[in-house]
């Protein structure tokens, strides 16, 4: 591929904004054709694996020309991790109706900047990225973005900067969240601690534990604290923006009532899918294959079996931590369900 011009990049939604450099002065794009995106778990360096061309431009030059590009309605699926957000995103990926962006790296880059400072420069960077993400593949298509939950600091930011946008807040209960981590072994436990560390940098929730007390807590306790911070955040967002802008969905409901929930979400986003189309998606391969590994048969029953196996191995620890986090929530006045 010849080196593209800035106009080439801006005119094609196949060029995804990927990351700002350390100073925030230059923006790198990655070329990912639409047909390749279904094979990529996420739009991240880990999954690009060096297979997609890149080009960088000064951010101010991008901003000066981006106003001329076509833009579509943009909506969001925010989540608390391991709660079927990838499944929901894939179910809504309907060419001509909606295009899905699964966890583009640029959003965690922005979130980390906003955590450090929500200054005018970072507000401008968020605005620039939103305009770039809003480019549709076809007229009439909506854009639906599913960020990583490490980018959840952006929820109120993007909703404030896009008054016409709506967001699904997808979550699971604490035991489901913890089982999902435990069945991933050491890497799940590391994930829980990483999430706690990141959330501690911006969540207003104060647990009152000193460094020594936190060090004495188990991986599962730390992960439960991270889960509670996410639930409290979603609760605050739901109450601040109200049901016209935000809808809260429990992953259990998504799996148990797939057609009804999918119909609710597509209507909330204004996608205009008819009942037959929704029924076909809910009964089709999206809900019978693993959302991250398409070669694996995987449905609600398969997920339940995996979680039951994790429960048997870790039943004592799960039960104790679930009771403990309820007590912690009661002590600090935090909700166990968002927006209810």
C-alpha atoms as a PDB file:
ATOM      1  CA  UNK A   1       0.000   0.000   0.000  1.00  0.00           C
ATOM      2  CA  UNK A   2       1.353   3.416  -1.003  1.00  0.00           C
ATOM      3  CA  UNK A   3       1.748   5.934   1.790  1.00  0.00           C
ATOM      4  CA  UNK A   4      -1.719   7.491   2.114  1.00  0.00           C
ATOM      5  CA  UNK A   5      -2.372  11.202   2.351  1.00  0.00           C
ATOM      6  CA  UNK A   6      -4.268  12.694   5.261  1.00  0.00           C
ATOM      7  CA  UNK A   7      -7.265  13.144   2.968  1.00  0.00           C
ATOM      8  CA  UNK A   8      -7.107   9.455   2.001  1.00  0.00           C
ATOM      9  CA  UNK A   9      -7.201   8.505   5.677  1.00  0.00           C
ATOM     10  CA  UNK A  10      -9.978  10.869   6.660  1.00  0.00           C
ATOM     11  CA  UNK A  11     -12.180   9.819   3.750  1.00  0.00           C
ATOM     12  CA  UNK A  12     -12.063   6.118   4.672  1.00  0.00           C
ATOM     13  CA  UNK A  13     -13.458   4.666   7.937  1.00  0.00           C
ATOM     14  CA  UNK A  14     -11.149   1.705   7.333  1.00  0.00           C
ATOM     15  CA  UNK A  15      -8.435   3.921   8.859  1.00  0.00           C
ATOM     16  CA  UNK A  16      -9.079   3.712  12.610  1.00  0.00           C
ATOM     17  CA  UNK A  17      -7.601   6.268  15.026  1.00  0.00           C
ATOM     18  CA  UNK A  18      -5.251   4.183  17.139  1.00  0.00           C
ATOM     19  CA  UNK A  19      -3.110   6.149  19.561  1.00  0.00           C
ATOM     20  CA  UNK A  20      -1.660   9.546  20.377  1.00  0.00           C
ATOM     21  CA  UNK A  21       2.050   9.820  21.016  1.00  0.00           C
ATOM     22  CA  UNK A  22       3.317  10.631  24.505  1.00  0.00           C
ATOM     23  CA  UNK A  23       2.990  14.381  23.976  1.00  0.00           C
ATOM     24  CA  UNK A  24      -0.443  14.049  22.367  1.00  0.00           C
ATOM     25  CA  UNK A  25       0.826  15.912  19.292  1.00  0.00           C
ATOM     26  CA  UNK A  26       0.607  13.121  16.713  1.00  0.00           C
ATOM     27  CA  UNK A  27      -2.159  10.619  16.022  1.00  0.00           C
ATOM     28  CA  UNK A  28      -1.490   7.180  14.535  1.00  0.00           C
ATOM     29  CA  UNK A  29      -4.095   5.442  12.384  1.00  0.00           C
ATOM     30  CA  UNK A  30      -4.339   1.724  11.560  1.00  0.00           C
ATOM     31  CA  UNK A  31      -5.884   0.433   8.331  1.00  0.00           C
ATOM     32  CA  UNK A  32      -8.387  -2.321   9.160  1.00  0.00           C
ATOM     33  CA  UNK A  33     -10.871  -3.226   6.397  1.00  0.00           C
ATOM     34  CA  UNK A  34     -14.412  -3.937   7.503  1.00  0.00           C
ATOM     35  CA  UNK A  35     -14.229  -7.593   6.458  1.00  0.00           C
ATOM     36  CA  UNK A  36     -11.173  -8.098   8.688  1.00  0.00           C
ATOM     37  CA  UNK A  37     -12.806  -6.736  11.809  1.00  0.00           C
ATOM     38  CA  UNK A  38     -15.033  -9.743  12.458  1.00  0.00           C
ATOM     39  CA  UNK A  39     -11.899 -11.909  12.662  1.00  0.00           C
ATOM     40  CA  UNK A  40     -10.239  -9.598  15.180  1.00  0.00           C
ATOM     41  CA  UNK A  41     -11.245 -10.047  18.786  1.00  0.00           C
ATOM     42  CA  UNK A  42     -10.455  -6.391  19.518  1.00  0.00           C
ATOM     43  CA  UNK A  43      -9.040  -3.398  17.663  1.00  0.00           C
ATOM     44  CA  UNK A  44      -5.853  -3.415  19.700  1.00  0.00           C
ATOM     45  CA  UNK A  45      -2.129  -3.895  19.209  1.00  0.00           C
ATOM     46  CA  UNK A  46      -2.304  -7.367  20.720  1.00  0.00           C
ATOM     47  CA  UNK A  47      -4.704  -8.499  18.007  1.00  0.00           C
ATOM     48  CA  UNK A  48      -3.324  -6.432  15.128  1.00  0.00           C
ATOM     49  CA  UNK A  49      -0.042  -8.327  15.633  1.00  0.00           C
ATOM     50  CA  UNK A  50       1.715  -6.028  13.172  1.00  0.00           C
ATOM     51  CA  UNK A  51      -0.472  -7.171  10.269  1.00  0.00           C
ATOM     52  CA  UNK A  52      -2.147  -3.858   9.436  1.00  0.00           C
ATOM     53  CA  UNK A  53      -0.549  -0.728   7.918  1.00  0.00           C
ATOM     54  CA  UNK A  54      -0.096   2.377  10.036  1.00  0.00           C
ATOM     55  CA  UNK A  55       0.406   6.046   9.384  1.00  0.00           C
ATOM     56  CA  UNK A  56       0.705   9.065  11.690  1.00  0.00           C
ATOM     57  CA  UNK A  57      -0.192  12.724  11.233  1.00  0.00           C
ATOM     58  CA  UNK A  58       0.028  15.808  13.435  1.00  0.00           C
ATOM     59  CA  UNK A  59      -3.189  15.913  15.446  1.00  0.00           C
ATOM     60  CA  UNK A  60      -3.747  19.595  14.736  1.00  0.00           C
ATOM     61  CA  UNK A  61      -3.706  18.920  10.979  1.00  0.00           C
ATOM     62  CA  UNK A  62      -6.190  16.064  11.438  1.00  0.00           C
ATOM     63  CA  UNK A  63      -8.451  18.341  13.487  1.00  0.00           C
ATOM     64  CA  UNK A  64      -8.297  21.073  10.854  1.00  0.00           C
ATOM     65  CA  UNK A  65      -9.655  18.761   8.157  1.00  0.00           C
ATOM     66  CA  UNK A  66     -11.891  16.315  10.030  1.00  0.00           C
ATOM     67  CA  UNK A  67     -14.953  18.599   9.950  1.00  0.00           C
ATOM     68  CA  UNK A  68     -15.440  17.792   6.271  1.00  0.00           C
ATOM     69  CA  UNK A  69     -15.940  14.019   6.747  1.00  0.00           C
ATOM     70  CA  UNK A  70     -19.314  12.284   6.838  1.00  0.00           C
ATOM     71  CA  UNK A  71     -20.588  11.472  10.315  1.00  0.00           C
ATOM     72  CA  UNK A  72     -23.120   8.997  11.667  1.00  0.00           C
ATOM     73  CA  UNK A  73     -24.989   8.623  14.973  1.00  0.00           C
ATOM     74  CA  UNK A  74     -22.627   7.125  17.554  1.00  0.00           C
ATOM     75  CA  UNK A  75     -23.639   5.046  20.571  1.00  0.00           C
ATOM     76  CA  UNK A  76     -21.731   3.051  23.187  1.00  0.00           C
ATOM     77  CA  UNK A  77     -21.663  -0.239  25.069  1.00  0.00           C
ATOM     78  CA  UNK A  78     -19.805   0.258  28.342  1.00  0.00           C
ATOM     79  CA  UNK A  79     -19.299  -2.753  30.579  1.00  0.00           C
ATOM     80  CA  UNK A  80     -17.694  -4.142  33.729  1.00  0.00           C
ATOM     81  CA  UNK A  81     -15.737  -6.871  31.843  1.00  0.00           C
ATOM     82  CA  UNK A  82     -16.525 -10.544  31.303  1.00  0.00           C
ATOM     83  CA  UNK A  83     -20.248  -9.821  31.068  1.00  0.00           C
ATOM     84  CA  UNK A  84     -21.036 -10.667  27.408  1.00  0.00           C
ATOM     85  CA  UNK A  85     -20.300  -7.212  25.989  1.00  0.00           C
ATOM     86  CA  UNK A  86     -18.499  -8.705  22.972  1.00  0.00           C
ATOM     87  CA  UNK A  87     -21.512 -10.935  22.366  1.00  0.00           C
ATOM     88  CA  UNK A  88     -23.883  -7.960  22.412  1.00  0.00           C
ATOM     89  CA  UNK A  89     -21.602  -5.962  20.123  1.00  0.00           C
ATOM     90  CA  UNK A  90     -21.393  -8.768  17.566  1.00  0.00           C
ATOM     91  CA  UNK A  91     -25.173  -9.173  17.653  1.00  0.00           C
ATOM     92  CA  UNK A  92     -25.591  -5.515  16.653  1.00  0.00           C
ATOM     93  CA  UNK A  93     -23.042  -5.623  13.829  1.00  0.00           C
ATOM     94  CA  UNK A  94     -25.482  -5.479  10.903  1.00  0.00           C
ATOM     95  CA  UNK A  95     -24.044  -3.980   7.675  1.00  0.00           C
ATOM     96  CA  UNK A  96     -26.234  -1.175   6.419  1.00  0.00           C
ATOM     97  CA  UNK A  97     -27.683  -0.698   9.917  1.00  0.00           C
ATOM     98  CA  UNK A  98     -24.727  -0.479  12.296  1.00  0.00           C
ATOM     99  CA  UNK A  99     -20.988  -0.948  12.325  1.00  0.00           C
ATOM    100  CA  UNK A 100     -19.228  -2.018  15.528  1.00  0.00           C
ATOM    101  CA  UNK A 101     -15.869  -0.906  16.908  1.00  0.00           C
ATOM    102  CA  UNK A 102     -14.691  -3.388  19.547  1.00  0.00           C
ATOM    103  CA  UNK A 103     -12.237  -1.960  22.076  1.00  0.00           C
ATOM    104  CA  UNK A 104     -10.180   0.427  19.904  1.00  0.00           C
ATOM    105  CA  UNK A 105      -6.910   1.176  21.678  1.00  0.00           C
ATOM    106  CA  UNK A 106      -7.326   4.909  21.198  1.00  0.00           C
ATOM    107  CA  UNK A 107     -10.023   5.023  23.881  1.00  0.00           C
ATOM    108  CA  UNK A 108      -7.826   3.622  26.635  1.00  0.00           C
ATOM    109  CA  UNK A 109      -5.135   6.063  25.494  1.00  0.00           C
ATOM    110  CA  UNK A 110      -7.656   8.876  25.932  1.00  0.00           C
ATOM    111  CA  UNK A 111      -8.971   7.529  29.235  1.00  0.00           C
ATOM    112  CA  UNK A 112      -5.499   7.460  30.744  1.00  0.00           C
ATOM    113  CA  UNK A 113      -4.976  11.069  29.640  1.00  0.00           C
ATOM    114  CA  UNK A 114      -8.303  12.156  31.121  1.00  0.00           C
ATOM    115  CA  UNK A 115      -7.494  10.372  34.392  1.00  0.00           C
ATOM    116  CA  UNK A 116      -4.351  12.486  34.643  1.00  0.00           C
ATOM    117  CA  UNK A 117      -6.079  15.717  33.600  1.00  0.00           C
ATOM    118  CA  UNK A 118      -9.403  16.607  31.996  1.00  0.00           C
ATOM    119  CA  UNK A 119      -7.928  19.762  30.554  1.00  0.00           C
ATOM    120  CA  UNK A 120      -8.843  21.622  27.332  1.00  0.00           C
ATOM    121  CA  UNK A 121      -6.191  19.761  25.368  1.00  0.00           C
ATOM    122  CA  UNK A 122      -7.597  16.363  26.330  1.00  0.00           C
ATOM    123  CA  UNK A 123     -11.160  17.527  25.704  1.00  0.00           C
ATOM    124  CA  UNK A 124     -10.059  18.451  22.192  1.00  0.00           C
ATOM    125  CA  UNK A 125      -8.426  15.046  21.727  1.00  0.00           C
ATOM    126  CA  UNK A 126     -11.649  13.303  22.798  1.00  0.00           C
ATOM    127  CA  UNK A 127     -13.630  15.465  20.371  1.00  0.00           C
ATOM    128  CA  UNK A 128     -11.239  14.661  17.536  1.00  0.00           C
ATOM    129  CA  UNK A 129     -11.411  10.915  18.153  1.00  0.00           C
ATOM    130  CA  UNK A 130     -15.206  10.954  18.367  1.00  0.00           C
ATOM    131  CA  UNK A 131     -15.419  12.682  14.989  1.00  0.00           C
ATOM    132  CA  UNK A 132     -13.115  10.048  13.519  1.00  0.00           C
ATOM    133  CA  UNK A 133     -15.051   7.150  15.035  1.00  0.00           C
ATOM    134  CA  UNK A 134     -18.313   8.598  13.712  1.00  0.00           C
ATOM    135  CA  UNK A 135     -17.385   7.926  10.072  1.00  0.00           C
ATOM    136  CA  UNK A 136     -19.843   5.337   8.710  1.00  0.00           C
ATOM    137  CA  UNK A 137     -19.179   2.718   6.040  1.00  0.00           C
ATOM    138  CA  UNK A 138     -22.549   3.355   4.405  1.00  0.00           C
ATOM    139  CA  UNK A 139     -25.187   6.104   4.487  1.00  0.00           C
ATOM    140  CA  UNK A 140     -27.716   5.512   7.229  1.00  0.00           C
ATOM    141  CA  UNK A 141     -25.451   3.297   9.319  1.00  0.00           C
ATOM    142  CA  UNK A 142     -24.979   3.999  13.014  1.00  0.00           C
ATOM    143  CA  UNK A 143     -21.643   3.492  14.741  1.00  0.00           C
ATOM    144  CA  UNK A 144     -21.611   1.514  17.992  1.00  0.00           C
ATOM    145  CA  UNK A 145     -18.435   1.542  20.059  1.00  0.00           C
ATOM    146  CA  UNK A 146     -17.613  -1.003  22.751  1.00  0.00           C
ATOM    147  CA  UNK A 147     -14.623   0.325  24.696  1.00  0.00           C
ATOM    148  CA  UNK A 148     -12.546  -1.785  27.059  1.00  0.00           C
ATOM    149  CA  UNK A 149     -13.701  -1.328  30.634  1.00  0.00           C
ATOM    150  CA  UNK A 150     -10.284   0.198  31.335  1.00  0.00           C
ATOM    151  CA  UNK A 151     -11.657   3.176  29.376  1.00  0.00           C
ATOM    152  CA  UNK A 152     -14.760   3.629  31.560  1.00  0.00           C
ATOM    153  CA  UNK A 153     -13.470   6.962  32.823  1.00  0.00           C
ATOM    154  CA  UNK A 154     -14.758   8.285  29.502  1.00  0.00           C
ATOM    155  CA  UNK A 155     -18.443   7.427  30.037  1.00  0.00           C
ATOM    156  CA  UNK A 156     -19.607  10.822  31.273  1.00  0.00           C
ATOM    157  CA  UNK A 157     -17.085  12.603  29.042  1.00  0.00           C
ATOM    158  CA  UNK A 158     -18.391  11.184  25.757  1.00  0.00           C
ATOM    159  CA  UNK A 159     -22.032  11.426  26.813  1.00  0.00           C
ATOM    160  CA  UNK A 160     -21.540  15.085  27.684  1.00  0.00           C
ATOM    161  CA  UNK A 161     -19.733  15.795  24.415  1.00  0.00           C
ATOM    162  CA  UNK A 162     -22.332  13.914  22.350  1.00  0.00           C
ATOM    163  CA  UNK A 163     -25.817  14.853  23.644  1.00  0.00           C
ATOM    164  CA  UNK A 164     -27.489  12.684  20.972  1.00  0.00           C
ATOM    165  CA  UNK A 165     -25.505   9.569  21.899  1.00  0.00           C
ATOM    166  CA  UNK A 166     -26.823   6.796  24.102  1.00  0.00           C
ATOM    167  CA  UNK A 167     -25.052   4.170  26.166  1.00  0.00           C
ATOM    168  CA  UNK A 168     -25.763   0.657  27.366  1.00  0.00           C
ATOM    169  CA  UNK A 169     -24.220  -0.064  30.771  1.00  0.00           C
ATOM    170  CA  UNK A 170     -23.745  -3.830  30.874  1.00  0.00           C
ATOM    171  CA  UNK A 171     -22.736  -5.515  34.117  1.00  0.00           C
ATOM    172  CA  UNK A 172     -22.780  -8.787  36.059  1.00  0.00           C
ATOM    173  CA  UNK A 173     -23.193  -9.562  39.737  1.00  0.00           C
ATOM    174  CA  UNK A 174     -20.067  -9.968  41.845  1.00  0.00           C
ATOM    175  CA  UNK A 175     -20.034 -13.776  41.900  1.00  0.00           C
ATOM    176  CA  UNK A 176     -20.355 -13.973  38.122  1.00  0.00           C
ATOM    177  CA  UNK A 177     -17.539 -11.445  37.761  1.00  0.00           C
ATOM    178  CA  UNK A 178     -15.274 -13.318  40.177  1.00  0.00           C
ATOM    179  CA  UNK A 179     -15.975 -16.720  38.619  1.00  0.00           C
ATOM    180  CA  UNK A 180     -15.041 -15.275  35.232  1.00  0.00           C
ATOM    181  CA  UNK A 181     -11.673 -14.216  36.634  1.00  0.00           C
ATOM    182  CA  UNK A 182     -11.046 -17.422  38.553  1.00  0.00           C
ATOM    183  CA  UNK A 183     -11.664 -19.683  35.581  1.00  0.00           C
ATOM    184  CA  UNK A 184      -8.818 -17.798  33.840  1.00  0.00           C
ATOM    185  CA  UNK A 185      -6.361 -18.771  36.555  1.00  0.00           C
ATOM    186  CA  UNK A 186      -3.387 -16.561  37.322  1.00  0.00           C
ATOM    187  CA  UNK A 187      -4.113 -14.180  34.444  1.00  0.00           C
ATOM    188  CA  UNK A 188      -7.623 -13.552  35.746  1.00  0.00           C
ATOM    189  CA  UNK A 189      -6.233 -12.734  39.187  1.00  0.00           C
ATOM    190  CA  UNK A 190      -3.685 -10.357  37.646  1.00  0.00           C
ATOM    191  CA  UNK A 191      -6.481  -8.715  35.665  1.00  0.00           C
ATOM    192  CA  UNK A 192      -8.436  -8.077  38.871  1.00  0.00           C
ATOM    193  CA  UNK A 193      -5.485  -6.346  40.527  1.00  0.00           C
ATOM    194  CA  UNK A 194      -4.715  -4.288  37.407  1.00  0.00           C
ATOM    195  CA  UNK A 195      -8.334  -3.171  37.254  1.00  0.00           C
ATOM    196  CA  UNK A 196      -8.319  -2.190  40.928  1.00  0.00           C
ATOM    197  CA  UNK A 197      -5.131  -0.165  40.460  1.00  0.00           C
ATOM    198  CA  UNK A 198      -6.515   1.690  37.455  1.00  0.00           C
ATOM    199  CA  UNK A 199      -9.894   2.414  39.048  1.00  0.00           C
ATOM    200  CA  UNK A 200      -8.243   3.636  42.239  1.00  0.00           C
ATOM    201  CA  UNK A 201      -6.706   6.419  40.186  1.00  0.00           C
ATOM    202  CA  UNK A 202     -10.046   8.071  39.478  1.00  0.00           C
ATOM    203  CA  UNK A 203     -12.964   6.456  41.339  1.00  0.00           C
ATOM    204  CA  UNK A 204     -14.421   8.625  44.115  1.00  0.00           C
ATOM    205  CA  UNK A 205     -15.097   5.509  46.203  1.00  0.00           C
ATOM    206  CA  UNK A 206     -13.046   5.427  49.416  1.00  0.00           C
ATOM    207  CA  UNK A 207     -12.759   2.067  51.155  1.00  0.00           C
ATOM    208  CA  UNK A 208     -10.595   3.305  54.010  1.00  0.00           C
ATOM    209  CA  UNK A 209      -7.954   0.577  53.632  1.00  0.00           C
ATOM    210  CA  UNK A 210      -4.314   1.542  53.985  1.00  0.00           C
ATOM    211  CA  UNK A 211      -1.557   0.052  51.779  1.00  0.00           C
ATOM    212  CA  UNK A 212      -0.706  -2.630  54.347  1.00  0.00           C
ATOM    213  CA  UNK A 213      -4.350  -3.688  54.660  1.00  0.00           C
ATOM    214  CA  UNK A 214      -4.752  -3.923  50.885  1.00  0.00           C
ATOM    215  CA  UNK A 215      -1.593  -5.999  50.619  1.00  0.00           C
ATOM    216  CA  UNK A 216      -3.061  -8.499  53.075  1.00  0.00           C
ATOM    217  CA  UNK A 217      -6.235  -8.946  51.006  1.00  0.00           C
ATOM    218  CA  UNK A 218      -6.525 -11.815  48.550  1.00  0.00           C
ATOM    219  CA  UNK A 219      -6.640 -11.413  44.780  1.00  0.00           C
ATOM    220  CA  UNK A 220     -10.352 -12.197  44.883  1.00  0.00           C
ATOM    221  CA  UNK A 221     -11.044  -9.528  47.511  1.00  0.00           C
ATOM    222  CA  UNK A 222      -9.153  -6.937  45.464  1.00  0.00           C
ATOM    223  CA  UNK A 223     -11.105  -7.932  42.343  1.00  0.00           C
ATOM    224  CA  UNK A 224     -14.364  -7.616  44.285  1.00  0.00           C
ATOM    225  CA  UNK A 225     -13.403  -4.079  45.329  1.00  0.00           C
ATOM    226  CA  UNK A 226     -12.744  -3.259  41.665  1.00  0.00           C
ATOM    227  CA  UNK A 227     -16.149  -4.676  40.752  1.00  0.00           C
ATOM    228  CA  UNK A 228     -17.830  -2.522  43.413  1.00  0.00           C
ATOM    229  CA  UNK A 229     -16.132   0.629  42.127  1.00  0.00           C
ATOM    230  CA  UNK A 230     -17.438  -0.130  38.638  1.00  0.00           C
ATOM    231  CA  UNK A 231     -20.982  -0.737  39.909  1.00  0.00           C
ATOM    232  CA  UNK A 232     -20.942   2.524  41.865  1.00  0.00           C
ATOM    233  CA  UNK A 233     -19.708   4.363  38.780  1.00  0.00           C
ATOM    234  CA  UNK A 234     -22.451   2.924  36.554  1.00  0.00           C
ATOM    235  CA  UNK A 235     -25.040   3.759  39.191  1.00  0.00           C
ATOM    236  CA  UNK A 236     -23.877   7.381  39.271  1.00  0.00           C
ATOM    237  CA  UNK A 237     -23.902   7.586  35.461  1.00  0.00           C
ATOM    238  CA  UNK A 238     -27.406   6.111  35.200  1.00  0.00           C
ATOM    239  CA  UNK A 239     -28.766   8.574  37.742  1.00  0.00           C
ATOM    240  CA  UNK A 240     -26.946  11.550  36.222  1.00  0.00           C
ATOM    241  CA  UNK A 241     -28.013  10.977  32.610  1.00  0.00           C
ATOM    242  CA  UNK A 242     -31.359   9.227  33.095  1.00  0.00           C
ATOM    243  CA  UNK A 243     -33.204   6.587  31.033  1.00  0.00           C
ATOM    244  CA  UNK A 244     -33.314   8.677  27.859  1.00  0.00           C
ATOM    245  CA  UNK A 245     -29.520   8.488  27.564  1.00  0.00           C
ATOM    246  CA  UNK A 246     -28.546   5.348  29.470  1.00  0.00           C
ATOM    247  CA  UNK A 247     -29.987   1.865  29.856  1.00  0.00           C
ATOM    248  CA  UNK A 248     -28.657  -0.666  32.376  1.00  0.00           C
ATOM    249  CA  UNK A 249     -28.562  -4.376  31.479  1.00  0.00           C
ATOM    250  CA  UNK A 250     -27.632  -7.382  33.592  1.00  0.00           C
ATOM    251  CA  UNK A 251     -25.686  -9.998  31.618  1.00  0.00           C
ATOM    252  CA  UNK A 252     -27.885 -12.715  33.122  1.00  0.00           C
ATOM    253  CA  UNK A 253     -30.878 -11.094  31.452  1.00  0.00           C
ATOM    254  CA  UNK A 254     -29.031 -10.851  28.124  1.00  0.00           C
ATOM    255  CA  UNK A 255     -28.366 -14.590  28.142  1.00  0.00           C
ATOM    256  CA  UNK A 256     -31.741 -15.650  29.501  1.00  0.00           C
ATOM    257  CA  UNK A 257     -33.881 -13.356  27.317  1.00  0.00           C
ATOM    258  CA  UNK A 258     -31.637 -12.743  24.323  1.00  0.00           C
ATOM    259  CA  UNK A 259     -34.310 -11.756  21.822  1.00  0.00           C
ATOM    260  CA  UNK A 260     -36.107  -9.386  24.186  1.00  0.00           C
ATOM    261  CA  UNK A 261     -32.905  -7.689  25.344  1.00  0.00           C
ATOM    262  CA  UNK A 262     -31.532  -7.404  21.823  1.00  0.00           C
ATOM    263  CA  UNK A 263     -34.808  -5.846  20.731  1.00  0.00           C
ATOM    264  CA  UNK A 264     -34.659  -3.408  23.606  1.00  0.00           C
ATOM    265  CA  UNK A 265     -31.085  -2.371  22.833  1.00  0.00           C
ATOM    266  CA  UNK A 266     -31.558  -1.921  19.098  1.00  0.00           C
ATOM    267  CA  UNK A 267     -34.655   0.174  19.754  1.00  0.00           C
ATOM    268  CA  UNK A 268     -32.790   2.243  22.349  1.00  0.00           C
ATOM    269  CA  UNK A 269     -30.077   2.938  19.768  1.00  0.00           C
ATOM    270  CA  UNK A 270     -32.688   3.696  17.097  1.00  0.00           C
ATOM    271  CA  UNK A 271     -31.403   1.038  14.685  1.00  0.00           C
ATOM    272  CA  UNK A 272     -34.808   0.218  13.245  1.00  0.00           C
ATOM    273  CA  UNK A 273     -34.376  -3.558  13.125  1.00  0.00           C
ATOM    274  CA  UNK A 274     -37.695  -5.374  12.743  1.00  0.00           C
ATOM    275  CA  UNK A 275     -38.890  -8.172  14.985  1.00  0.00           C
ATOM    276  CA  UNK A 276     -38.007 -10.876  12.449  1.00  0.00           C
ATOM    277  CA  UNK A 277     -34.470  -9.545  12.083  1.00  0.00           C
ATOM    278  CA  UNK A 278     -33.994  -9.452  15.856  1.00  0.00           C
ATOM    279  CA  UNK A 279     -35.366 -12.990  16.224  1.00  0.00           C
ATOM    280  CA  UNK A 280     -33.025 -14.251  13.493  1.00  0.00           C
ATOM    281  CA  UNK A 281     -29.990 -12.752  15.219  1.00  0.00           C
ATOM    282  CA  UNK A 282     -31.005 -14.106  18.641  1.00  0.00           C
ATOM    283  CA  UNK A 283     -31.476 -17.623  17.262  1.00  0.00           C
ATOM    284  CA  UNK A 284     -28.454 -17.495  14.958  1.00  0.00           C
ATOM    285  CA  UNK A 285     -24.738 -18.232  15.210  1.00  0.00           C
ATOM    286  CA  UNK A 286     -23.897 -15.101  17.218  1.00  0.00           C
ATOM    287  CA  UNK A 287     -25.570 -16.642  20.263  1.00  0.00           C
ATOM    288  CA  UNK A 288     -24.380 -20.203  19.624  1.00  0.00           C
ATOM    289  CA  UNK A 289     -20.664 -19.508  19.111  1.00  0.00           C
ATOM    290  CA  UNK A 290     -18.063 -18.153  21.478  1.00  0.00           C
ATOM    291  CA  UNK A 291     -18.040 -14.358  21.096  1.00  0.00           C
ATOM    292  CA  UNK A 292     -14.226 -14.234  21.174  1.00  0.00           C
ATOM    293  CA  UNK A 293     -13.399 -17.593  19.534  1.00  0.00           C
ATOM    294  CA  UNK A 294     -15.758 -18.105  16.606  1.00  0.00           C
ATOM    295  CA  UNK A 295     -14.608 -21.687  15.982  1.00  0.00           C
ATOM    296  CA  UNK A 296     -16.023 -22.808  19.343  1.00  0.00           C
ATOM    297  CA  UNK A 297     -19.636 -23.753  19.939  1.00  0.00           C
ATOM    298  CA  UNK A 298     -20.707 -21.799  22.999  1.00  0.00           C
ATOM    299  CA  UNK A 299     -24.092 -20.777  24.350  1.00  0.00           C
ATOM    300  CA  UNK A 300     -25.732 -19.828  27.637  1.00  0.00           C
ATOM    301  CA  UNK A 301     -25.691 -23.445  28.798  1.00  0.00           C
ATOM    302  CA  UNK A 302     -21.968 -23.776  28.014  1.00  0.00           C
ATOM    303  CA  UNK A 303     -21.228 -20.612  29.973  1.00  0.00           C
ATOM    304  CA  UNK A 304     -23.292 -21.863  32.891  1.00  0.00           C
ATOM    305  CA  UNK A 305     -21.354 -25.155  32.917  1.00  0.00           C
ATOM    306  CA  UNK A 306     -18.030 -23.308  33.012  1.00  0.00           C
ATOM    307  CA  UNK A 307     -19.193 -21.102  35.856  1.00  0.00           C
ATOM    308  CA  UNK A 308     -20.548 -24.090  37.765  1.00  0.00           C
ATOM    309  CA  UNK A 309     -17.169 -25.803  37.465  1.00  0.00           C
ATOM    310  CA  UNK A 310     -15.423 -22.674  38.786  1.00  0.00           C
ATOM    311  CA  UNK A 311     -17.922 -22.457  41.631  1.00  0.00           C
ATOM    312  CA  UNK A 312     -17.178 -26.020  42.721  1.00  0.00           C
ATOM    313  CA  UNK A 313     -13.437 -25.430  42.834  1.00  0.00           C
ATOM    314  CA  UNK A 314     -13.643 -22.026  44.544  1.00  0.00           C
ATOM    315  CA  UNK A 315     -16.962 -22.251  46.383  1.00  0.00           C
ATOM    316  CA  UNK A 316     -15.668 -21.368  49.847  1.00  0.00           C
ATOM    317  CA  UNK A 317     -13.656 -18.356  48.699  1.00  0.00           C
ATOM    318  CA  UNK A 318     -16.440 -17.110  46.416  1.00  0.00           C
ATOM    319  CA  UNK A 319     -19.036 -17.341  49.165  1.00  0.00           C
ATOM    320  CA  UNK A 320     -16.875 -15.600  51.725  1.00  0.00           C
ATOM    321  CA  UNK A 321     -15.862 -12.763  49.406  1.00  0.00           C
ATOM    322  CA  UNK A 322     -19.436 -12.252  48.171  1.00  0.00           C
ATOM    323  CA  UNK A 323     -20.617 -11.822  51.766  1.00  0.00           C
ATOM    324  CA  UNK A 324     -17.653  -9.603  52.557  1.00  0.00           C
ATOM    325  CA  UNK A 325     -18.221  -7.246  49.610  1.00  0.00           C
ATOM    326  CA  UNK A 326     -21.886  -6.901  50.584  1.00  0.00           C
ATOM    327  CA  UNK A 327     -20.737  -5.800  54.033  1.00  0.00           C
ATOM    328  CA  UNK A 328     -18.221  -3.382  52.505  1.00  0.00           C
ATOM    329  CA  UNK A 329     -20.912  -1.911  50.259  1.00  0.00           C
ATOM    330  CA  UNK A 330     -23.282  -1.468  53.196  1.00  0.00           C
ATOM    331  CA  UNK A 331     -20.542   0.188  55.255  1.00  0.00           C
ATOM    332  CA  UNK A 332     -19.723   2.817  52.621  1.00  0.00           C
ATOM    333  CA  UNK A 333     -23.257   3.169  51.202  1.00  0.00           C
ATOM    334  CA  UNK A 334     -22.419   1.776  47.742  1.00  0.00           C
ATOM    335  CA  UNK A 335     -25.007  -0.027  45.573  1.00  0.00           C
ATOM    336  CA  UNK A 336     -24.738  -3.666  44.540  1.00  0.00           C
ATOM    337  CA  UNK A 337     -26.782  -3.033  41.383  1.00  0.00           C
ATOM    338  CA  UNK A 338     -26.483   0.078  39.203  1.00  0.00           C
ATOM    339  CA  UNK A 339     -29.322   2.430  38.513  1.00  0.00           C
ATOM    340  CA  UNK A 340     -32.040   0.471  40.315  1.00  0.00           C
END
